[in-house]
């Protein structure tokens, strides 16, 4: 065992939250900060090119190759569940979509007993991280490290995307000028984390700006195996690097930012969690917290695929001479198909009229993937024109779990998102599929739709739609809630993200969300880290 010196703060995980914390905590040159990352540097070629992110997902060296358990209400299927194993974490792999959620999401967090987490109180932290391409206003900032650009400002817009945008309005959705003001109803182009055609995640904004500071140390290829506890206080971290076991110590705090799967995993490996689960895996219980690994929430996405009647999709742009043209366009000006992930439009609507706010989200992209299983594994586009959009229930009622299956830190945990285990979650998708068909019937897009491939014309009544949803859906990789914030029996951290009953230990990532926000989880995770950094530094002064 090799023991190293002490730091003020040890951050475990260099993902979206960890990179923010590393920057903010090291701004004071008197704070010695260590950032531990199990993966390596983010220098793989496709990470920085937005339109090439599918290639990143094919590189096993950048991923934790997790797999879920078979899920009863999803046809007994298990799902690939990749998480980032690289500087930048899953933020180096994602579609770069910047979605904050609804104001009500955060007001509900506070109403559940989490003081300080209302929309009005978290909005400044969203703004603090942001450098918005359209300039500042009462909802957006321009002084933060991370660039936010608007796909509505693209010089060239895809014909299918424009048609779907108009069709959504014809179906009754308003054109949404800005869904990041706390109200989402409507349809619009996405806002994305790119900077002039390059991915601009927290690794390339927050962390890159802080790397030259002498008080910030980054150690890669370092797998955290255990939090070192003494008398109910976190003293340091045991990790393995290149086959050697090492220990590092913290004067002030250890901060877990390893994500909704790895943060509860590390707590359990350290003897923190449900005593029964710990003992079953040969781990001595040191601190009882039954909520560790519980409350897993995940977005379930249901696909809609259509054959397109004219050669206006990205399928044709992704091969032959059109692809060469796109490569030149990107190389010369960082424009065109490769300058974004292909997720062009977002839409938010109510699955039924009596609801008081939108509960469904659409992601639209003007291409279609191969459905042949072998070709689909390689993220290939179809040879014929096509379009795809996915339906997602934003705030699912289903709750799953993730727990260790071994005392080995390299072993895959048992991940169970429990998709569609709640009756309400199954019902809303039936209504959502019907509304999606209403959009496709509108005059703006109907002439371009040659055929509905999935669900398909044979899927008509509620029972058939429900069966399709069960067997065709997949995960969006938005895991959250497994170290939930609160004061109830399953809460793991308090409203200042301190682990209940322990000193010097924080969790700062998507796992602390008591309930999923309405939409993609990356922007809320960054906000959580911004707010946490301020709280942690304030504790230092006490």
Protein backbone atom coordinates (compact mmCIF):
# COMPACT_ATOMS: atom_id res chain seq x y z
CA UNK A 1 0.00 0.00 0.00
CA UNK A 2 1.39 3.39 -1.03
CA UNK A 3 0.29 6.42 1.00
CA UNK A 4 0.45 9.89 -0.49
CA UNK A 5 0.23 13.40 0.92
CA UNK A 6 -2.83 15.35 1.95
CA UNK A 7 -5.11 17.63 -0.01
CA UNK A 8 -7.87 19.92 1.20
CA UNK A 9 -10.43 18.35 -1.14
CA UNK A 10 -10.50 15.05 -2.98
CA UNK A 11 -13.02 14.83 -5.84
CA UNK A 12 -13.80 11.33 -7.10
CA UNK A 13 -14.88 11.43 -10.73
CA UNK A 14 -14.04 13.91 -13.49
CA UNK A 15 -17.45 13.94 -15.13
CA UNK A 16 -19.81 16.87 -15.64
CA UNK A 17 -19.97 17.66 -11.91
CA UNK A 18 -16.39 16.80 -10.98
CA UNK A 19 -14.88 19.16 -13.57
CA UNK A 20 -17.01 22.04 -12.28
CA UNK A 21 -15.97 21.34 -8.69
CA UNK A 22 -12.29 21.08 -9.62
CA UNK A 23 -12.44 24.53 -11.18
CA UNK A 24 -14.46 26.28 -8.50
CA UNK A 25 -12.72 24.77 -5.46
CA UNK A 26 -9.25 25.47 -6.86
CA UNK A 27 -9.97 29.14 -7.63
CA UNK A 28 -8.63 29.94 -4.16
CA UNK A 29 -4.88 29.20 -4.46
CA UNK A 30 -4.80 28.19 -0.80
CA UNK A 31 -7.02 25.16 -1.48
CA UNK A 32 -5.12 22.06 -2.53
CA UNK A 33 -7.52 20.07 -4.74
CA UNK A 34 -7.17 16.55 -6.11
CA UNK A 35 -9.34 15.21 -8.95
CA UNK A 36 -9.36 11.40 -9.30
CA UNK A 37 -10.58 9.83 -12.56
CA UNK A 38 -10.76 6.11 -13.35
CA UNK A 39 -10.43 6.77 -17.09
CA UNK A 40 -7.84 8.58 -19.16
CA UNK A 41 -7.53 11.87 -21.00
CA UNK A 42 -10.26 13.01 -23.40
CA UNK A 43 -7.99 13.06 -26.44
CA UNK A 44 -9.89 10.54 -28.57
CA UNK A 45 -10.58 12.19 -31.93
CA UNK A 46 -14.38 11.87 -31.99
CA UNK A 47 -15.04 13.41 -28.56
CA UNK A 48 -14.61 16.95 -29.83
CA UNK A 49 -16.56 16.51 -33.09
CA UNK A 50 -20.28 16.70 -32.27
CA UNK A 51 -21.50 14.72 -35.26
CA UNK A 52 -19.05 11.89 -34.57
CA UNK A 53 -20.22 11.04 -31.06
CA UNK A 54 -21.50 7.63 -32.25
CA UNK A 55 -17.86 6.66 -32.82
CA UNK A 56 -17.09 7.60 -29.23
CA UNK A 57 -19.80 5.20 -28.06
CA UNK A 58 -18.08 2.42 -30.00
CA UNK A 59 -14.76 2.87 -28.17
CA UNK A 60 -14.83 0.47 -25.23
CA UNK A 61 -11.78 2.08 -23.63
CA UNK A 62 -13.88 5.20 -22.94
CA UNK A 63 -16.83 3.35 -21.37
CA UNK A 64 -17.94 1.44 -18.36
CA UNK A 65 -19.70 -1.35 -20.30
CA UNK A 66 -22.59 -1.70 -17.86
CA UNK A 67 -25.65 -3.81 -18.58
CA UNK A 68 -28.96 -3.63 -16.74
CA UNK A 69 -30.67 -6.62 -15.23
CA UNK A 70 -33.51 -8.14 -17.30
CA UNK A 71 -36.47 -5.81 -16.82
CA UNK A 72 -39.82 -7.50 -16.36
CA UNK A 73 -42.05 -4.76 -17.79
CA UNK A 74 -39.80 -4.18 -20.79
CA UNK A 75 -40.22 -7.63 -22.23
CA UNK A 76 -37.61 -9.20 -19.95
CA UNK A 77 -34.88 -7.44 -21.89
CA UNK A 78 -31.62 -6.16 -20.46
CA UNK A 79 -30.17 -2.92 -21.81
CA UNK A 80 -26.67 -1.69 -22.50
CA UNK A 81 -25.97 1.10 -20.03
CA UNK A 82 -22.67 2.77 -21.02
CA UNK A 83 -21.18 5.41 -18.72
CA UNK A 84 -18.18 7.58 -19.49
CA UNK A 85 -14.77 6.34 -18.32
CA UNK A 86 -12.73 9.34 -19.40
CA UNK A 87 -12.04 12.93 -18.39
CA UNK A 88 -15.43 14.55 -18.93
CA UNK A 89 -17.32 11.39 -17.95
CA UNK A 90 -20.60 10.76 -19.72
CA UNK A 91 -20.50 14.43 -20.75
CA UNK A 92 -17.82 13.36 -23.23
CA UNK A 93 -20.24 10.90 -24.84
CA UNK A 94 -23.63 12.60 -24.81
CA UNK A 95 -25.60 14.53 -27.41
CA UNK A 96 -24.63 17.93 -25.90
CA UNK A 97 -28.25 18.97 -25.35
CA UNK A 98 -28.73 21.84 -22.91
CA UNK A 99 -32.07 21.40 -21.12
CA UNK A 100 -32.68 22.81 -17.65
CA UNK A 101 -36.15 21.42 -16.96
CA UNK A 102 -39.22 23.17 -15.58
CA UNK A 103 -39.34 25.67 -12.73
CA UNK A 104 -41.85 23.42 -11.01
CA UNK A 105 -39.24 20.61 -10.85
CA UNK A 106 -37.06 22.58 -8.48
CA UNK A 107 -39.95 24.09 -6.54
CA UNK A 108 -41.01 20.49 -5.88
CA UNK A 109 -37.51 19.67 -4.62
CA UNK A 110 -37.79 22.48 -2.10
CA UNK A 111 -41.37 21.58 -1.17
CA UNK A 112 -40.12 18.09 -0.30
CA UNK A 113 -37.90 19.63 2.40
CA UNK A 114 -34.80 20.62 0.44
CA UNK A 115 -34.41 24.24 1.43
CA UNK A 116 -32.54 26.39 -1.07
CA UNK A 117 -33.38 24.37 -4.18
CA UNK A 118 -36.37 26.28 -5.60
CA UNK A 119 -36.27 27.51 -9.19
CA UNK A 120 -35.53 31.09 -8.20
CA UNK A 121 -32.67 29.89 -6.01
CA UNK A 122 -31.06 27.54 -8.57
CA UNK A 123 -31.48 29.82 -11.60
CA UNK A 124 -28.40 31.93 -10.71
CA UNK A 125 -26.28 28.76 -10.74
CA UNK A 126 -27.53 27.77 -14.18
CA UNK A 127 -26.62 31.26 -15.36
CA UNK A 128 -23.23 31.29 -13.62
CA UNK A 129 -21.94 28.35 -15.65
CA UNK A 130 -23.16 29.68 -18.98
CA UNK A 131 -21.74 31.68 -21.86
CA UNK A 132 -24.83 31.98 -24.01
CA UNK A 133 -24.24 32.74 -27.68
CA UNK A 134 -27.27 35.05 -27.85
CA UNK A 135 -26.13 37.26 -25.02
CA UNK A 136 -27.32 37.88 -21.47
CA UNK A 137 -30.87 38.36 -20.23
CA UNK A 138 -32.77 37.60 -17.04
CA UNK A 139 -32.51 33.84 -17.70
CA UNK A 140 -29.10 33.47 -19.32
CA UNK A 141 -25.52 34.42 -18.55
CA UNK A 142 -22.46 35.12 -20.64
CA UNK A 143 -19.67 35.16 -18.06
CA UNK A 144 -19.50 31.41 -17.39
CA UNK A 145 -16.99 28.97 -18.87
CA UNK A 146 -19.41 26.82 -20.86
CA UNK A 147 -20.75 27.83 -24.25
CA UNK A 148 -24.45 27.38 -25.05
CA UNK A 149 -25.42 27.77 -28.71
CA UNK A 150 -28.82 27.66 -30.42
CA UNK A 151 -29.52 25.29 -33.30
CA UNK A 152 -32.21 27.73 -34.40
CA UNK A 153 -29.31 29.94 -35.50
CA UNK A 154 -27.85 27.34 -37.90
CA UNK A 155 -27.16 28.80 -41.34
CA UNK A 156 -28.58 25.72 -43.08
CA UNK A 157 -31.57 23.88 -41.68
CA UNK A 158 -32.67 20.40 -42.67
CA UNK A 159 -35.88 20.14 -44.69
CA UNK A 160 -37.30 17.42 -42.43
CA UNK A 161 -36.51 19.34 -39.26
CA UNK A 162 -38.23 22.43 -40.60
CA UNK A 163 -41.24 20.37 -41.67
CA UNK A 164 -41.54 18.70 -38.26
CA UNK A 165 -41.22 22.08 -36.54
CA UNK A 166 -44.17 23.40 -38.53
CA UNK A 167 -46.17 20.19 -38.12
CA UNK A 168 -45.80 20.37 -34.35
CA UNK A 169 -47.32 23.83 -34.39
CA UNK A 170 -50.12 22.68 -36.66
CA UNK A 171 -50.83 19.90 -34.15
CA UNK A 172 -51.31 22.47 -31.39
CA UNK A 173 -47.88 23.03 -29.86
CA UNK A 174 -46.72 26.65 -29.71
CA UNK A 175 -43.34 27.69 -31.06
CA UNK A 176 -41.21 27.90 -27.90
CA UNK A 177 -38.78 30.81 -28.05
CA UNK A 178 -36.71 29.51 -25.14
CA UNK A 179 -37.55 26.36 -23.15
CA UNK A 180 -34.83 27.13 -20.59
CA UNK A 181 -36.81 29.89 -18.87
CA UNK A 182 -38.61 27.40 -16.64
CA UNK A 183 -41.65 26.81 -18.87
CA UNK A 184 -41.33 24.14 -21.55
CA UNK A 185 -44.62 23.82 -23.41
CA UNK A 186 -44.07 23.86 -27.17
CA UNK A 187 -41.63 22.94 -29.90
CA UNK A 188 -38.27 24.45 -30.84
CA UNK A 189 -34.71 23.75 -31.87
CA UNK A 190 -32.39 22.53 -29.12
CA UNK A 191 -29.83 24.63 -27.31
CA UNK A 192 -26.54 22.73 -27.22
CA UNK A 193 -23.14 22.78 -25.51
CA UNK A 194 -20.88 23.48 -28.47
CA UNK A 195 -18.42 26.23 -29.25
CA UNK A 196 -18.19 26.97 -32.96
CA UNK A 197 -18.70 23.36 -33.98
CA UNK A 198 -16.76 21.67 -31.15
CA UNK A 199 -18.08 19.86 -28.07
CA UNK A 200 -17.91 22.19 -25.08
CA UNK A 201 -18.54 20.02 -22.06
CA UNK A 202 -17.27 20.78 -18.56
CA UNK A 203 -13.94 19.05 -19.26
CA UNK A 204 -13.27 21.43 -22.15
CA UNK A 205 -14.59 24.52 -20.42
CA UNK A 206 -14.31 24.36 -16.63
CA UNK A 207 -11.44 21.90 -16.29
CA UNK A 208 -9.29 23.08 -19.17
CA UNK A 209 -9.30 26.59 -17.71
CA UNK A 210 -8.14 25.28 -14.31
CA UNK A 211 -5.46 22.80 -15.38
CA UNK A 212 -2.58 25.28 -15.14
CA UNK A 213 -3.24 26.04 -11.49
CA UNK A 214 -0.47 24.62 -9.29
CA UNK A 215 -2.98 23.82 -6.53
CA UNK A 216 -5.02 21.43 -8.75
CA UNK A 217 -3.75 17.87 -9.21
CA UNK A 218 -5.40 15.47 -11.66
CA UNK A 219 -4.74 11.75 -11.42
CA UNK A 220 -6.11 9.58 -14.23
CA UNK A 221 -6.44 5.80 -14.54
CA UNK A 222 -7.20 5.78 -10.81
CA UNK A 223 -10.12 3.56 -9.77
CA UNK A 224 -11.48 4.54 -6.36
CA UNK A 225 -12.06 1.40 -4.29
CA UNK A 226 -12.98 2.70 -0.86
CA UNK A 227 -13.59 5.82 1.20
CA UNK A 228 -11.37 5.75 4.27
CA UNK A 229 -13.53 6.35 7.36
CA UNK A 230 -12.35 7.13 10.88
CA UNK A 231 -14.82 7.83 13.68
CA UNK A 232 -17.63 8.69 11.28
CA UNK A 233 -15.47 11.05 9.25
CA UNK A 234 -14.18 10.63 5.68
CA UNK A 235 -10.39 10.88 5.84
CA UNK A 236 -9.38 9.89 2.35
CA UNK A 237 -9.71 7.49 -0.58
CA UNK A 238 -8.11 4.18 -1.43
CA UNK A 239 -7.64 3.72 -5.16
CA UNK A 240 -5.83 1.48 -7.61
CA UNK A 241 -3.64 2.79 -10.39
CA UNK A 242 -1.71 0.56 -12.81
CA UNK A 243 -2.08 -2.40 -10.49
CA UNK A 244 -0.85 -0.57 -7.38
CA UNK A 245 -3.10 0.19 -4.43
CA UNK A 246 -2.68 3.69 -3.05
CA UNK A 247 -4.20 5.92 -0.40
CA UNK A 248 -4.67 9.67 -0.44
CA UNK A 249 -5.96 11.85 2.38
CA UNK A 250 -8.15 14.96 2.66
CA UNK A 251 -7.94 17.69 5.27
CA UNK A 252 -11.42 19.04 4.61
CA UNK A 253 -13.63 16.78 2.51
CA UNK A 254 -14.03 13.87 0.13
CA UNK A 255 -16.56 14.59 -2.64
CA UNK A 256 -18.13 11.83 -4.71
CA UNK A 257 -18.96 12.93 -8.25
CA UNK A 258 -18.82 9.53 -9.90
CA UNK A 259 -22.42 9.53 -11.13
CA UNK A 260 -25.70 7.83 -10.34
CA UNK A 261 -24.21 4.33 -10.64
CA UNK A 262 -20.65 4.67 -9.37
CA UNK A 263 -21.30 7.02 -6.41
CA UNK A 264 -23.65 4.61 -4.60
CA UNK A 265 -21.34 1.76 -5.61
CA UNK A 266 -18.39 3.43 -3.88
CA UNK A 267 -20.45 4.17 -0.79
CA UNK A 268 -21.43 0.51 -0.54
CA UNK A 269 -17.87 -0.68 -1.13
CA UNK A 270 -16.91 1.58 1.79
CA UNK A 271 -19.42 0.03 4.20
CA UNK A 272 -22.05 2.76 3.82
CA UNK A 273 -25.56 1.64 2.90
CA UNK A 274 -28.05 -1.10 3.63
CA UNK A 275 -26.35 -3.50 6.09
CA UNK A 276 -28.00 -6.56 4.56
CA UNK A 277 -26.71 -5.76 1.06
CA UNK A 278 -23.24 -5.01 2.44
CA UNK A 279 -23.02 -8.24 4.42
CA UNK A 280 -24.25 -10.31 1.47
CA UNK A 281 -21.24 -8.99 -0.45
CA UNK A 282 -18.67 -9.54 2.27
CA UNK A 283 -18.45 -5.92 3.41
CA UNK A 284 -18.54 -4.85 7.04
CA UNK A 285 -21.32 -2.30 7.61
CA UNK A 286 -19.80 0.89 9.02
CA UNK A 287 -22.67 3.33 8.55
CA UNK A 288 -26.30 2.43 7.94
CA UNK A 289 -28.02 4.36 5.14
CA UNK A 290 -30.72 2.18 3.54
CA UNK A 291 -31.36 4.65 0.70
CA UNK A 292 -27.95 4.18 -0.93
CA UNK A 293 -28.57 2.80 -4.43
CA UNK A 294 -32.36 3.07 -4.13
CA UNK A 295 -34.69 5.55 -5.92
CA UNK A 296 -33.04 5.00 -9.33
CA UNK A 297 -34.93 6.99 -11.95
CA UNK A 298 -34.30 6.72 -15.66
CA UNK A 299 -35.88 7.99 -18.86
CA UNK A 300 -37.40 5.36 -21.14
CA UNK A 301 -37.44 6.30 -24.80
CA UNK A 302 -39.87 4.92 -27.37
CA UNK A 303 -38.86 5.32 -31.04
CA UNK A 304 -40.91 6.48 -34.03
CA UNK A 305 -39.36 5.67 -37.42
CA UNK A 306 -40.63 6.75 -40.83
CA UNK A 307 -39.57 6.21 -44.41
CA UNK A 308 -39.23 9.56 -46.17
CA UNK A 309 -40.47 10.13 -49.71
CA UNK A 310 -37.68 12.46 -50.86
CA UNK A 311 -33.86 12.42 -50.45
CA UNK A 312 -33.81 15.17 -47.81
CA UNK A 313 -32.65 13.26 -44.71
CA UNK A 314 -29.18 13.02 -43.21
CA UNK A 315 -29.03 9.38 -44.35
CA UNK A 316 -28.05 10.56 -47.82
CA UNK A 317 -25.55 13.08 -46.45
CA UNK A 318 -23.68 10.38 -44.57
CA UNK A 319 -22.24 8.51 -47.55
CA UNK A 320 -20.51 9.05 -50.87
CA UNK A 321 -19.93 12.49 -52.35
CA UNK A 322 -22.39 14.27 -49.99
CA UNK A 323 -20.35 12.99 -47.03
CA UNK A 324 -17.14 14.30 -48.57
CA UNK A 325 -18.86 17.66 -48.98
CA UNK A 326 -19.88 17.60 -45.30
CA UNK A 327 -16.33 16.72 -44.23
CA UNK A 328 -14.94 19.69 -46.16
CA UNK A 329 -17.63 21.97 -44.77
CA UNK A 330 -16.69 20.96 -41.24
CA UNK A 331 -12.94 21.09 -41.81
CA UNK A 332 -13.08 24.56 -43.35
CA UNK A 333 -15.66 26.23 -41.13
CA UNK A 334 -16.87 23.75 -38.49
CA UNK A 335 -20.32 23.87 -40.04
CA UNK A 336 -22.76 21.41 -41.51
CA UNK A 337 -23.89 17.98 -40.35
CA UNK A 338 -20.86 17.30 -38.15
CA UNK A 339 -21.19 20.52 -36.15
CA UNK A 340 -24.01 19.09 -34.02
CA UNK A 341 -25.21 15.69 -32.85
CA UNK A 342 -28.17 15.50 -35.22
CA UNK A 343 -30.73 15.93 -32.43
CA UNK A 344 -32.33 19.03 -33.90
CA UNK A 345 -35.76 19.57 -32.35
CA UNK A 346 -37.32 19.25 -28.92
CA UNK A 347 -41.03 19.27 -28.16
CA UNK A 348 -42.92 19.21 -24.86
CA UNK A 349 -46.58 18.35 -24.51
CA UNK A 350 -49.20 16.93 -22.14
CA UNK A 351 -50.07 13.27 -22.62
CA UNK A 352 -53.63 14.27 -21.69
CA UNK A 353 -55.27 17.68 -21.50
CA UNK A 354 -56.22 17.64 -17.83
CA UNK A 355 -52.58 17.71 -16.71
CA UNK A 356 -51.28 21.02 -15.35
CA UNK A 357 -47.95 20.85 -17.18
CA UNK A 358 -46.12 18.97 -19.93
CA UNK A 359 -45.06 15.44 -19.05
CA UNK A 360 -43.73 14.21 -22.43
CA UNK A 361 -40.67 15.15 -24.46
CA UNK A 362 -39.80 14.54 -28.12
CA UNK A 363 -36.29 14.42 -29.57
CA UNK A 364 -36.38 14.72 -33.37
CA UNK A 365 -33.49 13.92 -35.70
CA UNK A 366 -33.66 13.90 -39.51
CA UNK A 367 -32.12 10.48 -40.05
CA UNK A 368 -32.90 6.85 -39.30
CA UNK A 369 -30.62 4.15 -37.98
CA UNK A 370 -30.30 0.67 -39.43
CA UNK A 371 -32.68 -1.78 -37.80
CA UNK A 372 -30.64 -4.84 -38.69
CA UNK A 373 -29.18 -5.80 -35.28
CA UNK A 374 -25.58 -6.14 -36.47
CA UNK A 375 -25.58 -2.87 -38.39
CA UNK A 376 -27.44 -1.11 -35.59
CA UNK A 377 -24.66 -2.04 -33.16
CA UNK A 378 -22.32 0.06 -35.28
CA UNK A 379 -24.71 3.04 -35.30
CA UNK A 380 -25.13 2.90 -39.07
CA UNK A 381 -27.66 5.08 -40.87
CA UNK A 382 -30.12 3.51 -43.28
CA UNK A 383 -29.41 3.62 -46.98
CA UNK A 384 -32.85 5.03 -47.77
CA UNK A 385 -34.24 8.40 -46.61
CA UNK A 386 -35.72 8.28 -43.13
CA UNK A 387 -36.52 10.21 -39.97
CA UNK A 388 -36.68 9.32 -36.31
CA UNK A 389 -38.03 10.85 -33.16
CA UNK A 390 -38.27 9.47 -29.67
CA UNK A 391 -40.98 9.88 -27.06
CA UNK A 392 -39.93 10.19 -23.42
CA UNK A 393 -41.97 10.48 -20.25
CA UNK A 394 -40.03 13.16 -18.40
CA UNK A 395 -40.95 12.42 -14.80
CA UNK A 396 -41.52 8.66 -14.52
CA UNK A 397 -43.18 7.21 -11.44
CA UNK A 398 -41.23 3.94 -11.66
CA UNK A 399 -38.35 3.54 -9.22
CA UNK A 400 -35.50 1.09 -9.53
CA UNK A 401 -32.17 0.49 -7.83
CA UNK A 402 -28.47 -0.14 -8.31
CA UNK A 403 -26.40 -2.18 -5.87
CA UNK A 404 -23.04 -3.91 -5.73
CA UNK A 405 -22.89 -7.61 -6.53
CA UNK A 406 -19.37 -8.07 -5.19
CA UNK A 407 -16.77 -6.42 -2.96
CA UNK A 408 -14.64 -6.00 -6.10
CA UNK A 409 -14.62 -2.37 -7.31
CA UNK A 410 -14.25 -3.53 -10.92
CA UNK A 411 -17.40 -5.69 -10.83
CA UNK A 412 -20.54 -4.43 -12.55
CA UNK A 413 -23.33 -3.45 -10.15
CA UNK A 414 -26.86 -4.82 -10.45
CA UNK A 415 -28.66 -2.01 -12.28
CA UNK A 416 -32.45 -2.19 -12.42
CA UNK A 417 -34.23 0.91 -13.79
CA UNK A 418 -37.58 -0.90 -13.34
CA UNK A 419 -38.95 0.65 -16.52
CA UNK A 420 -42.75 0.77 -16.77
CA UNK A 421 -43.23 -0.86 -13.37
CA UNK A 422 -45.75 1.86 -12.48
CA UNK A 423 -49.09 1.69 -14.28
CA UNK A 424 -49.10 5.44 -15.01
CA UNK A 425 -45.83 5.13 -16.92
CA UNK A 426 -47.33 2.53 -19.24
CA UNK A 427 -50.49 4.57 -19.82
CA UNK A 428 -48.85 7.84 -20.82
CA UNK A 429 -46.97 6.27 -23.72
CA UNK A 430 -50.18 5.05 -25.32
CA UNK A 431 -51.51 8.61 -25.38
CA UNK A 432 -48.13 9.96 -26.53
CA UNK A 433 -47.99 7.60 -29.53
CA UNK A 434 -51.44 8.81 -30.59
CA UNK A 435 -50.31 12.44 -30.40
CA UNK A 436 -47.15 11.62 -32.39
CA UNK A 437 -49.32 10.27 -35.17
CA UNK A 438 -51.33 13.46 -35.08
CA UNK A 439 -48.12 15.42 -35.75
CA UNK A 440 -47.21 13.19 -38.70
CA UNK A 441 -50.68 13.73 -40.21
CA UNK A 442 -50.22 17.50 -40.43
CA UNK A 443 -49.89 19.11 -43.89
CA UNK A 444 -46.38 20.42 -43.22
CA UNK A 445 -44.88 16.93 -43.00
CA UNK A 446 -47.44 14.40 -44.26
CA UNK A 447 -46.27 14.64 -47.92
CA UNK A 448 -42.73 13.73 -46.82
CA UNK A 449 -43.78 10.63 -44.87
CA UNK A 450 -43.92 7.64 -47.20
CA UNK A 451 -44.54 5.05 -44.48
CA UNK A 452 -44.56 4.61 -40.73
CA UNK A 453 -42.00 1.89 -40.01
CA UNK A 454 -42.35 1.85 -36.23
CA UNK A 455 -44.70 1.41 -34.48
CA UNK A 456 -46.11 0.63 -37.95
CA UNK A 457 -49.62 0.54 -39.44
CA UNK A 458 -50.48 -2.78 -37.77
CA UNK A 459 -50.14 -1.23 -34.31
CA UNK A 460 -53.56 0.36 -33.84
CA UNK A 461 -55.43 -0.13 -30.58
CA UNK A 462 -54.28 0.62 -27.03
CA UNK A 463 -53.22 -2.95 -26.34
CA UNK A 464 -51.09 -3.10 -29.49
CA UNK A 465 -49.50 0.27 -28.75
CA UNK A 466 -48.75 -0.79 -25.19
CA UNK A 467 -47.11 -3.99 -26.43
CA UNK A 468 -44.97 -1.98 -28.85
CA UNK A 469 -43.89 0.38 -26.06
CA UNK A 470 -42.94 -2.60 -23.89
CA UNK A 471 -40.78 -4.28 -26.51
CA UNK A 472 -39.36 -1.35 -28.49
CA UNK A 473 -38.29 1.16 -25.84
CA UNK A 474 -34.76 1.73 -24.58
CA UNK A 475 -32.82 3.68 -21.98
CA UNK A 476 -31.75 7.29 -22.43
CA UNK A 477 -28.85 6.87 -19.95
CA UNK A 478 -30.18 9.60 -17.65
CA UNK A 479 -29.80 7.75 -14.35
CA UNK A 480 -30.42 9.83 -11.22
CA UNK A 481 -31.68 9.77 -7.65
CA UNK A 482 -29.60 6.94 -6.14
CA UNK A 483 -28.14 9.11 -3.35
CA UNK A 484 -31.19 11.30 -3.01
CA UNK A 485 -31.26 14.60 -1.20
CA UNK A 486 -33.78 14.94 1.63
CA UNK A 487 -34.71 14.09 5.20
CA UNK A 488 -36.83 10.94 4.73
CA UNK A 489 -35.79 7.36 5.42
CA UNK A 490 -34.27 6.86 1.96
CA UNK A 491 -32.37 10.16 1.85
CA UNK A 492 -28.59 9.86 1.59
CA UNK A 493 -27.55 13.52 1.64
CA UNK A 494 -29.01 16.64 3.22
CA UNK A 495 -29.91 19.85 1.38
CA UNK A 496 -26.23 20.88 1.44
CA UNK A 497 -25.23 17.51 -0.09
CA UNK A 498 -23.49 16.22 3.04
CA UNK A 499 -23.89 12.49 3.61
CA UNK A 500 -26.24 11.99 6.56
CA UNK A 501 -24.43 11.04 9.74
CA UNK A 502 -20.90 11.42 8.41
CA UNK A 503 -18.47 14.33 8.46
CA UNK A 504 -16.32 15.44 5.56
CA UNK A 505 -18.21 13.45 2.91
CA UNK A 506 -20.35 14.92 0.11
CA UNK A 507 -22.10 13.55 -2.97
CA UNK A 508 -22.35 15.99 -5.89
CA UNK A 509 -23.78 14.57 -9.11
CA UNK A 510 -27.10 13.43 -10.62
CA UNK A 511 -27.51 10.82 -7.90
CA UNK A 512 -28.62 13.51 -5.40
CA UNK A 513 -31.69 14.52 -7.44
CA UNK A 514 -34.75 13.57 -5.34
CA UNK A 515 -36.85 13.48 -8.51
CA UNK A 516 -35.82 13.72 -12.15
CA UNK A 517 -36.05 17.14 -13.78
CA UNK A 518 -38.18 17.46 -16.89
CA UNK A 519 -35.75 16.57 -19.63
CA UNK A 520 -32.08 15.84 -20.13
CA UNK A 521 -29.99 15.70 -16.97
CA UNK A 522 -26.62 17.20 -17.90
CA UNK A 523 -27.42 20.90 -17.40
CA UNK A 524 -29.09 20.26 -14.00
CA UNK A 525 -26.04 18.23 -12.92
CA UNK A 526 -23.77 21.16 -13.78
CA UNK A 527 -26.05 23.49 -11.82
CA UNK A 528 -25.89 21.15 -8.81
CA UNK A 529 -22.09 21.25 -8.91
CA UNK A 530 -22.05 25.05 -9.17
CA UNK A 531 -24.31 25.37 -6.13
CA UNK A 532 -22.42 22.66 -4.23
CA UNK A 533 -19.06 24.33 -4.75
CA UNK A 534 -20.37 27.47 -3.08
CA UNK A 535 -21.86 25.53 -0.17
CA UNK A 536 -18.69 23.48 0.36
CA UNK A 537 -16.52 26.60 0.42
CA UNK A 538 -18.91 28.24 2.87
CA UNK A 539 -18.52 25.24 5.19
CA UNK A 540 -14.77 25.80 5.05
CA UNK A 541 -15.24 29.24 6.59
CA UNK A 542 -17.32 27.99 9.52
